[in-house]
Amino acid sequence: MSFSYATSAANPPQAVIENAFATLAQGIVRGELHASMPQDQLRAFVERELGPSIDVKRFARGVMGKYARTAQLATFSASLKALLLKTYSKGLGSVERFERVEILKSNLSPDGERATVATRLLLSGGEAYQVSYQMHRDTRGWRISNLIAEGINLGLVYRQQFANLYNAQGRDLSATLGQWAVQLR
């Protein structure tokens, strides 16, 4: 089962997260995913298998806040996607120790268009990590628009970094976007 299939509109949000981790587990079993693989291959795996489940444009709009404009949003979305893939790939450093994911709680908004799925990632050796996925439903199904790992809201962290960089660049949006991209290298 590929992850892009898991994002179908028929699946509830928690099933999308469960299927994502099933895809990771299958990658480990097949030997396609392991901690010693080169970073570029790891990022390619993450992008191929998990990328379709992330709404990068919505995530980017949330990070840019009131500075999100159509032309710049596309540029920033590409940079943010690279950062998200890099961050997620680094988080897979102990991938062989992954045992399972537990869905702790899933909350659906009253309008049925947004959800939060709280999980606990369990690793061999008893380590556990709390990760909550903020999701929304669009024409492609349920997609991730933010995540909170061990109480750290990545969207808010990136938003603060963006605002600080914007101010440091003399409130010049083009310079901010250029500098953001440079910092990813």
N, C-alpha and C. Protein backbone atom coordinates (compact mmCIF):
# COMPACT_ATOMS: atom_id res chain seq x y z
N MET A 1 0.85 -1.17 0.00
CA MET A 1 0.00 0.00 0.00
C MET A 1 0.90 1.23 0.00
N SER A 2 0.69 2.12 -0.94
CA SER A 2 1.48 3.34 -0.95
C SER A 2 0.76 4.40 -0.14
N PHE A 3 1.53 5.36 0.34
CA PHE A 3 0.96 6.37 1.20
C PHE A 3 -0.01 7.26 0.46
N SER A 4 0.25 7.54 -0.81
CA SER A 4 -0.66 8.41 -1.55
C SER A 4 -2.07 7.80 -1.60
N TYR A 5 -2.16 6.48 -1.65
CA TYR A 5 -3.46 5.82 -1.59
C TYR A 5 -4.12 6.08 -0.24
N ALA A 6 -3.31 6.15 0.81
CA ALA A 6 -3.84 6.31 2.16
C ALA A 6 -4.48 7.67 2.37
N THR A 7 -4.23 8.62 1.50
CA THR A 7 -4.79 9.94 1.69
C THR A 7 -6.16 10.11 1.05
N SER A 8 -6.76 9.02 0.61
CA SER A 8 -8.07 9.14 -0.04
C SER A 8 -9.09 9.74 0.93
N ALA A 9 -10.06 10.41 0.36
CA ALA A 9 -11.06 11.12 1.16
C ALA A 9 -11.87 10.17 2.04
N ALA A 10 -11.95 8.90 1.70
CA ALA A 10 -12.75 7.94 2.46
C ALA A 10 -12.11 7.59 3.80
N ASN A 11 -10.82 7.73 3.92
CA ASN A 11 -10.13 7.38 5.16
C ASN A 11 -10.28 8.47 6.21
N PRO A 12 -10.55 8.09 7.46
CA PRO A 12 -10.56 9.09 8.52
C PRO A 12 -9.12 9.56 8.78
N PRO A 13 -8.94 10.72 9.41
CA PRO A 13 -7.58 11.26 9.58
C PRO A 13 -6.63 10.31 10.32
N GLN A 14 -7.11 9.60 11.32
CA GLN A 14 -6.21 8.70 12.05
C GLN A 14 -5.74 7.55 11.17
N ALA A 15 -6.55 7.12 10.21
CA ALA A 15 -6.14 6.05 9.29
C ALA A 15 -5.00 6.53 8.39
N VAL A 16 -5.02 7.80 8.02
CA VAL A 16 -3.93 8.35 7.19
C VAL A 16 -2.61 8.26 7.95
N ILE A 17 -2.62 8.60 9.23
CA ILE A 17 -1.40 8.54 10.04
C ILE A 17 -0.98 7.08 10.23
N GLU A 18 -1.92 6.21 10.55
CA GLU A 18 -1.59 4.78 10.71
C GLU A 18 -0.99 4.22 9.43
N ASN A 19 -1.56 4.57 8.29
CA ASN A 19 -1.05 4.07 7.01
C ASN A 19 0.34 4.62 6.70
N ALA A 20 0.59 5.85 7.11
CA ALA A 20 1.93 6.42 6.90
C ALA A 20 2.97 5.60 7.65
N PHE A 21 2.68 5.26 8.87
CA PHE A 21 3.63 4.47 9.65
C PHE A 21 3.72 3.04 9.15
N ALA A 22 2.62 2.52 8.62
CA ALA A 22 2.68 1.18 8.00
C ALA A 22 3.61 1.22 6.78
N THR A 23 3.56 2.29 6.03
CA THR A 23 4.44 2.46 4.88
C THR A 23 5.90 2.51 5.32
N LEU A 24 6.18 3.23 6.40
CA LEU A 24 7.54 3.27 6.93
C LEU A 24 7.99 1.88 7.37
N ALA A 25 7.12 1.18 8.08
CA ALA A 25 7.46 -0.17 8.55
C ALA A 25 7.73 -1.10 7.37
N GLN A 26 6.93 -1.00 6.32
CA GLN A 26 7.14 -1.83 5.13
C GLN A 26 8.47 -1.49 4.46
N GLY A 27 8.82 -0.20 4.44
CA GLY A 27 10.11 0.21 3.88
C GLY A 27 11.27 -0.38 4.65
N ILE A 28 11.13 -0.47 5.96
CA ILE A 28 12.17 -1.07 6.80
C ILE A 28 12.29 -2.57 6.49
N VAL A 29 11.14 -3.26 6.46
CA VAL A 29 11.13 -4.69 6.21
C VAL A 29 11.73 -5.01 4.84
N ARG A 30 11.40 -4.21 3.83
CA ARG A 30 11.92 -4.44 2.47
C ARG A 30 13.37 -3.98 2.31
N GLY A 31 13.91 -3.33 3.34
CA GLY A 31 15.29 -2.86 3.26
C GLY A 31 15.45 -1.56 2.49
N GLU A 32 14.34 -0.92 2.13
CA GLU A 32 14.39 0.36 1.41
C GLU A 32 14.69 1.52 2.34
N LEU A 33 14.48 1.34 3.62
CA LEU A 33 14.63 2.40 4.60
C LEU A 33 15.47 1.90 5.75
N HIS A 34 16.60 2.54 5.96
CA HIS A 34 17.46 2.19 7.08
C HIS A 34 18.27 3.42 7.49
N ALA A 35 18.69 3.44 8.74
CA ALA A 35 19.35 4.61 9.31
C ALA A 35 20.67 4.95 8.63
N SER A 36 21.35 3.97 8.06
CA SER A 36 22.67 4.24 7.48
C SER A 36 22.59 4.69 6.02
N MET A 37 21.40 4.85 5.48
CA MET A 37 21.29 5.25 4.08
C MET A 37 21.68 6.71 3.92
N PRO A 38 22.22 7.08 2.78
CA PRO A 38 22.60 8.47 2.53
C PRO A 38 21.40 9.41 2.66
N GLN A 39 21.64 10.62 3.14
CA GLN A 39 20.56 11.58 3.37
C GLN A 39 19.74 11.86 2.12
N ASP A 40 20.37 11.93 0.95
CA ASP A 40 19.60 12.22 -0.26
C ASP A 40 18.63 11.08 -0.58
N GLN A 41 19.03 9.84 -0.33
CA GLN A 41 18.12 8.70 -0.55
C GLN A 41 17.01 8.69 0.48
N LEU A 42 17.34 9.04 1.72
CA LEU A 42 16.35 9.09 2.79
C LEU A 42 15.31 10.17 2.48
N ARG A 43 15.77 11.34 2.04
CA ARG A 43 14.83 12.41 1.68
C ARG A 43 13.96 12.00 0.51
N ALA A 44 14.54 11.31 -0.47
CA ALA A 44 13.76 10.85 -1.63
C ALA A 44 12.67 9.88 -1.19
N PHE A 45 13.01 8.97 -0.27
CA PHE A 45 12.02 8.02 0.26
C PHE A 45 10.90 8.77 0.97
N VAL A 46 11.28 9.71 1.85
CA VAL A 46 10.29 10.48 2.60
C VAL A 46 9.39 11.26 1.65
N GLU A 47 9.99 11.90 0.66
CA GLU A 47 9.19 12.69 -0.28
C GLU A 47 8.23 11.80 -1.08
N ARG A 48 8.72 10.67 -1.56
CA ARG A 48 7.90 9.76 -2.36
C ARG A 48 6.75 9.17 -1.54
N GLU A 49 7.07 8.71 -0.34
CA GLU A 49 6.08 7.97 0.45
C GLU A 49 5.21 8.85 1.34
N LEU A 50 5.77 9.93 1.86
CA LEU A 50 5.02 10.76 2.81
C LEU A 50 4.64 12.12 2.26
N GLY A 51 5.37 12.58 1.26
CA GLY A 51 5.13 13.91 0.69
C GLY A 51 3.70 14.20 0.31
N PRO A 52 3.00 13.28 -0.35
CA PRO A 52 1.62 13.56 -0.75
C PRO A 52 0.67 13.83 0.42
N SER A 53 1.03 13.43 1.60
CA SER A 53 0.14 13.62 2.75
C SER A 53 0.32 14.98 3.40
N ILE A 54 1.30 15.75 2.97
CA ILE A 54 1.57 17.04 3.59
C ILE A 54 1.12 18.15 2.65
N ASP A 55 0.32 19.06 3.16
CA ASP A 55 -0.11 20.21 2.38
C ASP A 55 0.90 21.33 2.63
N VAL A 56 1.96 21.32 1.83
CA VAL A 56 3.06 22.26 2.02
C VAL A 56 2.59 23.70 1.84
N LYS A 57 1.71 23.93 0.88
CA LYS A 57 1.25 25.30 0.62
C LYS A 57 0.49 25.85 1.83
N ARG A 58 -0.36 25.04 2.42
CA ARG A 58 -1.10 25.49 3.61
C ARG A 58 -0.15 25.69 4.78
N PHE A 59 0.80 24.77 4.94
CA PHE A 59 1.80 24.88 6.00
C PHE A 59 2.58 26.19 5.81
N ALA A 60 3.00 26.47 4.57
CA ALA A 60 3.77 27.68 4.26
C ALA A 60 2.95 28.93 4.53
N ARG A 61 1.68 28.91 4.17
CA ARG A 61 0.82 30.06 4.42
C ARG A 61 0.74 30.34 5.92
N GLY A 62 0.67 29.29 6.72
CA GLY A 62 0.63 29.47 8.16
C GLY A 62 1.93 30.03 8.71
N VAL A 63 3.05 29.63 8.14
CA VAL A 63 4.35 30.12 8.59
C VAL A 63 4.53 31.58 8.18
N MET A 64 4.17 31.92 6.96
CA MET A 64 4.34 33.29 6.47
C MET A 64 3.34 34.25 7.11
N GLY A 65 2.20 33.74 7.54
CA GLY A 65 1.20 34.59 8.16
C GLY A 65 0.73 35.69 7.24
N LYS A 66 0.69 36.91 7.75
CA LYS A 66 0.16 38.03 6.97
C LYS A 66 1.04 38.42 5.79
N TYR A 67 2.23 37.84 5.71
CA TYR A 67 3.13 38.15 4.60
C TYR A 67 2.94 37.22 3.41
N ALA A 68 2.05 36.26 3.54
CA ALA A 68 1.83 35.29 2.46
C ALA A 68 1.13 35.98 1.29
N ARG A 69 1.83 36.04 0.20
CA ARG A 69 1.27 36.58 -1.05
C ARG A 69 1.47 35.51 -2.11
N THR A 70 0.60 35.48 -3.07
CA THR A 70 0.58 34.40 -4.04
C THR A 70 1.94 34.12 -4.67
N ALA A 71 2.60 35.13 -5.23
CA ALA A 71 3.87 34.90 -5.92
C ALA A 71 4.94 34.40 -4.96
N GLN A 72 5.06 35.03 -3.82
CA GLN A 72 6.08 34.64 -2.85
C GLN A 72 5.74 33.32 -2.17
N LEU A 73 4.47 33.01 -2.07
CA LEU A 73 4.06 31.78 -1.39
C LEU A 73 4.59 30.55 -2.13
N ALA A 74 4.57 30.58 -3.44
CA ALA A 74 5.09 29.45 -4.22
C ALA A 74 6.58 29.25 -3.97
N THR A 75 7.32 30.35 -3.95
CA THR A 75 8.77 30.29 -3.69
C THR A 75 9.03 29.77 -2.28
N PHE A 76 8.30 30.33 -1.32
CA PHE A 76 8.51 29.92 0.06
C PHE A 76 8.08 28.48 0.28
N SER A 77 7.01 28.05 -0.37
CA SER A 77 6.54 26.66 -0.22
C SER A 77 7.63 25.68 -0.63
N ALA A 78 8.33 25.98 -1.70
CA ALA A 78 9.41 25.08 -2.15
C ALA A 78 10.52 25.01 -1.10
N SER A 79 10.89 26.15 -0.53
CA SER A 79 11.92 26.16 0.51
C SER A 79 11.45 25.44 1.76
N LEU A 80 10.21 25.68 2.14
CA LEU A 80 9.68 25.03 3.34
C LEU A 80 9.58 23.52 3.14
N LYS A 81 9.20 23.09 1.95
CA LYS A 81 9.13 21.66 1.67
C LYS A 81 10.50 21.02 1.87
N ALA A 82 11.54 21.68 1.37
CA ALA A 82 12.90 21.16 1.54
C ALA A 82 13.25 21.07 3.03
N LEU A 83 12.87 22.09 3.80
CA LEU A 83 13.14 22.08 5.24
C LEU A 83 12.37 20.97 5.94
N LEU A 84 11.10 20.80 5.60
CA LEU A 84 10.29 19.75 6.23
C LEU A 84 10.85 18.37 5.91
N LEU A 85 11.24 18.14 4.67
CA LEU A 85 11.82 16.85 4.29
C LEU A 85 13.13 16.61 5.03
N LYS A 86 13.93 17.65 5.14
CA LYS A 86 15.21 17.53 5.86
C LYS A 86 14.96 17.22 7.33
N THR A 87 14.03 17.93 7.94
CA THR A 87 13.71 17.73 9.36
C THR A 87 13.15 16.33 9.60
N TYR A 88 12.21 15.90 8.76
CA TYR A 88 11.60 14.59 8.94
C TYR A 88 12.62 13.48 8.70
N SER A 89 13.46 13.68 7.71
CA SER A 89 14.49 12.68 7.41
C SER A 89 15.44 12.51 8.59
N LYS A 90 15.83 13.62 9.20
CA LYS A 90 16.71 13.54 10.37
C LYS A 90 16.03 12.80 11.51
N GLY A 91 14.72 12.98 11.62
CA GLY A 91 13.97 12.30 12.67
C GLY A 91 13.92 10.80 12.48
N LEU A 92 14.25 10.34 11.30
CA LEU A 92 14.23 8.90 11.03
C LEU A 92 15.58 8.25 11.30
N GLY A 93 16.45 8.94 12.00
CA GLY A 93 17.79 8.43 12.29
C GLY A 93 17.80 7.11 13.03
N SER A 94 16.79 6.84 13.82
CA SER A 94 16.73 5.58 14.56
C SER A 94 15.59 4.72 14.03
N VAL A 95 15.40 4.77 12.71
CA VAL A 95 14.26 4.13 12.08
C VAL A 95 14.18 2.62 12.35
N GLU A 96 15.33 1.95 12.45
CA GLU A 96 15.29 0.51 12.68
C GLU A 96 14.72 0.17 14.06
N ARG A 97 14.68 1.14 14.95
CA ARG A 97 14.16 0.90 16.29
C ARG A 97 12.66 1.16 16.38
N PHE A 98 12.05 1.59 15.29
CA PHE A 98 10.61 1.86 15.28
C PHE A 98 9.85 0.55 15.49
N GLU A 99 8.95 0.57 16.46
CA GLU A 99 8.10 -0.59 16.72
C GLU A 99 6.68 -0.38 16.24
N ARG A 100 6.07 0.72 16.70
CA ARG A 100 4.68 0.96 16.30
C ARG A 100 4.28 2.38 16.68
N VAL A 101 3.14 2.76 16.16
CA VAL A 101 2.54 4.04 16.52
C VAL A 101 1.21 3.74 17.18
N GLU A 102 0.93 4.46 18.24
CA GLU A 102 -0.36 4.35 18.91
C GLU A 102 -1.13 5.65 18.68
N ILE A 103 -2.35 5.53 18.24
CA ILE A 103 -3.22 6.70 18.12
C ILE A 103 -3.81 6.93 19.51
N LEU A 104 -3.49 8.05 20.10
CA LEU A 104 -3.97 8.35 21.44
C LEU A 104 -5.35 8.99 21.42
N LYS A 105 -5.51 9.91 20.48
CA LYS A 105 -6.76 10.64 20.43
C LYS A 105 -6.88 11.28 19.06
N SER A 106 -8.09 11.36 18.55
CA SER A 106 -8.36 12.03 17.29
C SER A 106 -9.55 12.94 17.50
N ASN A 107 -9.36 14.22 17.27
CA ASN A 107 -10.43 15.20 17.44
C ASN A 107 -10.78 15.80 16.08
N LEU A 108 -12.05 15.78 15.77
CA LEU A 108 -12.55 16.34 14.53
C LEU A 108 -13.25 17.67 14.84
N SER A 109 -12.99 18.68 14.03
CA SER A 109 -13.64 19.98 14.23
C SER A 109 -15.14 19.84 13.96
N PRO A 110 -15.95 20.76 14.51
CA PRO A 110 -17.40 20.68 14.30
C PRO A 110 -17.80 20.69 12.82
N ASP A 111 -17.04 21.38 11.98
CA ASP A 111 -17.39 21.41 10.55
C ASP A 111 -16.87 20.19 9.79
N GLY A 112 -16.09 19.32 10.46
CA GLY A 112 -15.60 18.10 9.85
C GLY A 112 -14.47 18.30 8.85
N GLU A 113 -13.89 19.50 8.80
CA GLU A 113 -12.85 19.80 7.82
C GLU A 113 -11.44 19.82 8.41
N ARG A 114 -11.33 19.84 9.72
CA ARG A 114 -10.02 19.86 10.39
C ARG A 114 -10.01 18.79 11.47
N ALA A 115 -8.81 18.30 11.75
CA ALA A 115 -8.68 17.27 12.78
C ALA A 115 -7.29 17.37 13.40
N THR A 116 -7.18 16.89 14.61
CA THR A 116 -5.90 16.72 15.27
C THR A 116 -5.80 15.27 15.69
N VAL A 117 -4.69 14.65 15.30
CA VAL A 117 -4.47 13.25 15.64
C VAL A 117 -3.23 13.19 16.53
N ALA A 118 -3.45 12.81 17.79
CA ALA A 118 -2.35 12.69 18.76
C ALA A 118 -1.84 11.25 18.73
N THR A 119 -0.52 11.11 18.64
CA THR A 119 0.08 9.77 18.58
C THR A 119 1.22 9.64 19.58
N ARG A 120 1.59 8.40 19.81
CA ARG A 120 2.80 8.10 20.56
C ARG A 120 3.60 7.13 19.69
N LEU A 121 4.82 7.52 19.34
CA LEU A 121 5.71 6.67 18.56
C LEU A 121 6.54 5.85 19.52
N LEU A 122 6.48 4.55 19.40
CA LEU A 122 7.20 3.67 20.30
C LEU A 122 8.40 3.06 19.59
N LEU A 123 9.56 3.15 20.26
CA LEU A 123 10.79 2.57 19.74
C LEU A 123 11.21 1.42 20.64
N SER A 124 12.00 0.51 20.08
CA SER A 124 12.52 -0.57 20.91
C SER A 124 13.38 0.06 22.00
N GLY A 125 13.41 -0.55 23.14
CA GLY A 125 14.14 0.02 24.27
C GLY A 125 13.25 0.87 25.16
N GLY A 126 11.97 0.97 24.79
CA GLY A 126 11.02 1.67 25.64
C GLY A 126 10.89 3.16 25.39
N GLU A 127 11.65 3.73 24.45
CA GLU A 127 11.50 5.16 24.18
C GLU A 127 10.16 5.42 23.51
N ALA A 128 9.57 6.56 23.86
CA ALA A 128 8.30 6.96 23.28
C ALA A 128 8.31 8.46 23.03
N TYR A 129 7.72 8.87 21.92
CA TYR A 129 7.66 10.28 21.54
C TYR A 129 6.22 10.64 21.20
N GLN A 130 5.79 11.78 21.73
CA GLN A 130 4.45 12.28 21.46
C GLN A 130 4.49 13.18 20.22
N VAL A 131 3.65 12.89 19.24
CA VAL A 131 3.55 13.72 18.05
C VAL A 131 2.07 13.89 17.73
N SER A 132 1.66 15.14 17.55
CA SER A 132 0.29 15.44 17.14
C SER A 132 0.32 16.02 15.73
N TYR A 133 -0.59 15.54 14.92
CA TYR A 133 -0.68 15.99 13.53
C TYR A 133 -1.93 16.84 13.38
N GLN A 134 -1.77 18.08 12.96
CA GLN A 134 -2.91 18.92 12.64
C GLN A 134 -3.19 18.71 11.17
N MET A 135 -4.43 18.36 10.87
CA MET A 135 -4.79 17.96 9.51
C MET A 135 -6.02 18.72 9.05
N HIS A 136 -6.21 18.74 7.75
CA HIS A 136 -7.41 19.29 7.15
C HIS A 136 -7.80 18.41 5.97
N ARG A 137 -9.05 18.52 5.59
CA ARG A 137 -9.54 17.74 4.46
C ARG A 137 -9.64 18.66 3.25
N ASP A 138 -9.08 18.19 2.13
CA ASP A 138 -9.24 18.90 0.86
C ASP A 138 -9.65 17.89 -0.20
N THR A 139 -9.58 18.26 -1.45
CA THR A 139 -10.03 17.37 -2.52
C THR A 139 -9.21 16.09 -2.61
N ARG A 140 -8.00 16.09 -2.04
CA ARG A 140 -7.15 14.89 -2.07
C ARG A 140 -7.33 14.03 -0.83
N GLY A 141 -8.15 14.45 0.10
CA GLY A 141 -8.36 13.70 1.33
C GLY A 141 -7.78 14.45 2.52
N TRP A 142 -7.48 13.73 3.58
CA TRP A 142 -6.91 14.32 4.78
C TRP A 142 -5.41 14.53 4.58
N ARG A 143 -4.95 15.75 4.87
CA ARG A 143 -3.54 16.08 4.69
C ARG A 143 -3.03 16.82 5.91
N ILE A 144 -1.75 16.67 6.17
CA ILE A 144 -1.11 17.29 7.34
C ILE A 144 -0.75 18.73 7.01
N SER A 145 -1.11 19.64 7.92
CA SER A 145 -0.79 21.06 7.72
C SER A 145 0.08 21.61 8.84
N ASN A 146 0.36 20.80 9.85
CA ASN A 146 1.26 21.21 10.93
C ASN A 146 1.49 19.98 11.81
N LEU A 147 2.59 20.03 12.56
CA LEU A 147 2.78 18.97 13.54
C LEU A 147 3.45 19.52 14.79
N ILE A 148 3.14 18.85 15.87
CA ILE A 148 3.65 19.21 17.18
C ILE A 148 4.37 17.99 17.71
N ALA A 149 5.69 18.11 17.85
CA ALA A 149 6.51 16.99 18.30
C ALA A 149 7.03 17.28 19.69
N GLU A 150 6.69 16.41 20.63
CA GLU A 150 7.11 16.56 22.02
C GLU A 150 6.81 17.97 22.53
N GLY A 151 5.63 18.48 22.20
CA GLY A 151 5.18 19.78 22.67
C GLY A 151 5.71 20.97 21.88
N ILE A 152 6.52 20.73 20.86
CA ILE A 152 7.07 21.81 20.06
C ILE A 152 6.27 21.91 18.77
N ASN A 153 5.59 23.03 18.60
CA ASN A 153 4.76 23.28 17.44
C ASN A 153 5.65 23.77 16.30
N LEU A 154 5.91 22.91 15.32
CA LEU A 154 6.83 23.28 14.23
C LEU A 154 6.34 24.49 13.46
N GLY A 155 5.05 24.58 13.21
CA GLY A 155 4.52 25.73 12.49
C GLY A 155 4.82 27.03 13.21
N LEU A 156 4.62 27.04 14.53
CA LEU A 156 4.90 28.26 15.30
C LEU A 156 6.39 28.56 15.36
N VAL A 157 7.21 27.53 15.49
CA VAL A 157 8.67 27.74 15.51
C VAL A 157 9.12 28.36 14.19
N TYR A 158 8.67 27.77 13.08
CA TYR A 158 9.05 28.30 11.77
C TYR A 158 8.48 29.70 11.55
N ARG A 159 7.28 29.93 12.06
CA ARG A 159 6.67 31.26 11.91
C ARG A 159 7.49 32.32 12.65
N GLN A 160 7.95 31.99 13.84
CA GLN A 160 8.77 32.94 14.61
C GLN A 160 10.11 33.17 13.91
N GLN A 161 10.70 32.09 13.39
CA GLN A 161 11.96 32.23 12.66
C GLN A 161 11.77 33.11 11.42
N PHE A 162 10.66 32.91 10.73
CA PHE A 162 10.38 33.72 9.55
C PHE A 162 10.22 35.19 9.93
N ALA A 163 9.45 35.46 10.98
CA ALA A 163 9.23 36.85 11.41
C ALA A 163 10.55 37.50 11.83
N ASN A 164 11.39 36.77 12.56
CA ASN A 164 12.69 37.31 12.97
C ASN A 164 13.56 37.62 11.76
N LEU A 165 13.57 36.71 10.80
CA LEU A 165 14.36 36.91 9.59
C LEU A 165 13.83 38.09 8.79
N TYR A 166 12.51 38.21 8.71
CA TYR A 166 11.87 39.32 8.01
C TYR A 166 12.31 40.65 8.62
N ASN A 167 12.29 40.73 9.93
CA ASN A 167 12.73 41.96 10.60
C ASN A 167 14.22 42.20 10.40
N ALA A 168 15.02 41.15 10.46
CA ALA A 168 16.47 41.29 10.26
C ALA A 168 16.81 41.71 8.83
N GLN A 169 15.94 41.39 7.89
CA GLN A 169 16.16 41.75 6.48
C GLN A 169 15.51 43.09 6.14
N GLY A 170 15.25 43.91 7.15
CA GLY A 170 14.68 45.23 6.92
C GLY A 170 13.25 45.19 6.39
N ARG A 171 12.53 44.16 6.76
CA ARG A 171 11.13 43.97 6.36
C ARG A 171 10.97 43.90 4.84
N ASP A 172 11.99 43.32 4.21
CA ASP A 172 12.01 43.11 2.76
C ASP A 172 11.67 41.64 2.51
N LEU A 173 10.49 41.39 1.95
CA LEU A 173 10.02 40.02 1.78
C LEU A 173 10.91 39.22 0.81
N SER A 174 11.31 39.83 -0.28
CA SER A 174 12.17 39.13 -1.25
C SER A 174 13.50 38.74 -0.62
N ALA A 175 14.10 39.67 0.14
CA ALA A 175 15.37 39.36 0.81
C ALA A 175 15.18 38.27 1.85
N THR A 176 14.05 38.30 2.54
CA THR A 176 13.75 37.28 3.55
C THR A 176 13.65 35.90 2.91
N LEU A 177 12.94 35.81 1.80
CA LEU A 177 12.79 34.52 1.11
C LEU A 177 14.14 34.02 0.60
N GLY A 178 14.94 34.91 0.08
CA GLY A 178 16.26 34.53 -0.39
C GLY A 178 17.15 34.03 0.73
N GLN A 179 17.12 34.73 1.87
CA GLN A 179 17.93 34.33 3.01
C GLN A 179 17.44 33.02 3.61
N TRP A 180 16.14 32.82 3.64
CA TRP A 180 15.56 31.56 4.16
C TRP A 180 16.10 30.39 3.34
N ALA A 181 16.09 30.54 2.02
CA ALA A 181 16.59 29.48 1.14
C ALA A 181 18.08 29.22 1.37
N VAL A 182 18.85 30.28 1.58
CA VAL A 182 20.30 30.15 1.82
C VAL A 182 20.55 29.37 3.11
N GLN A 183 19.75 29.62 4.13
CA GLN A 183 19.95 28.96 5.43
C GLN A 183 19.67 27.46 5.36
N LEU A 184 18.96 27.00 4.35
CA LEU A 184 18.65 25.57 4.23
C LEU A 184 19.84 24.76 3.75
N ARG A 185 20.80 25.42 3.16
CA ARG A 185 21.93 24.67 2.58
C ARG A 185 22.87 24.18 3.62
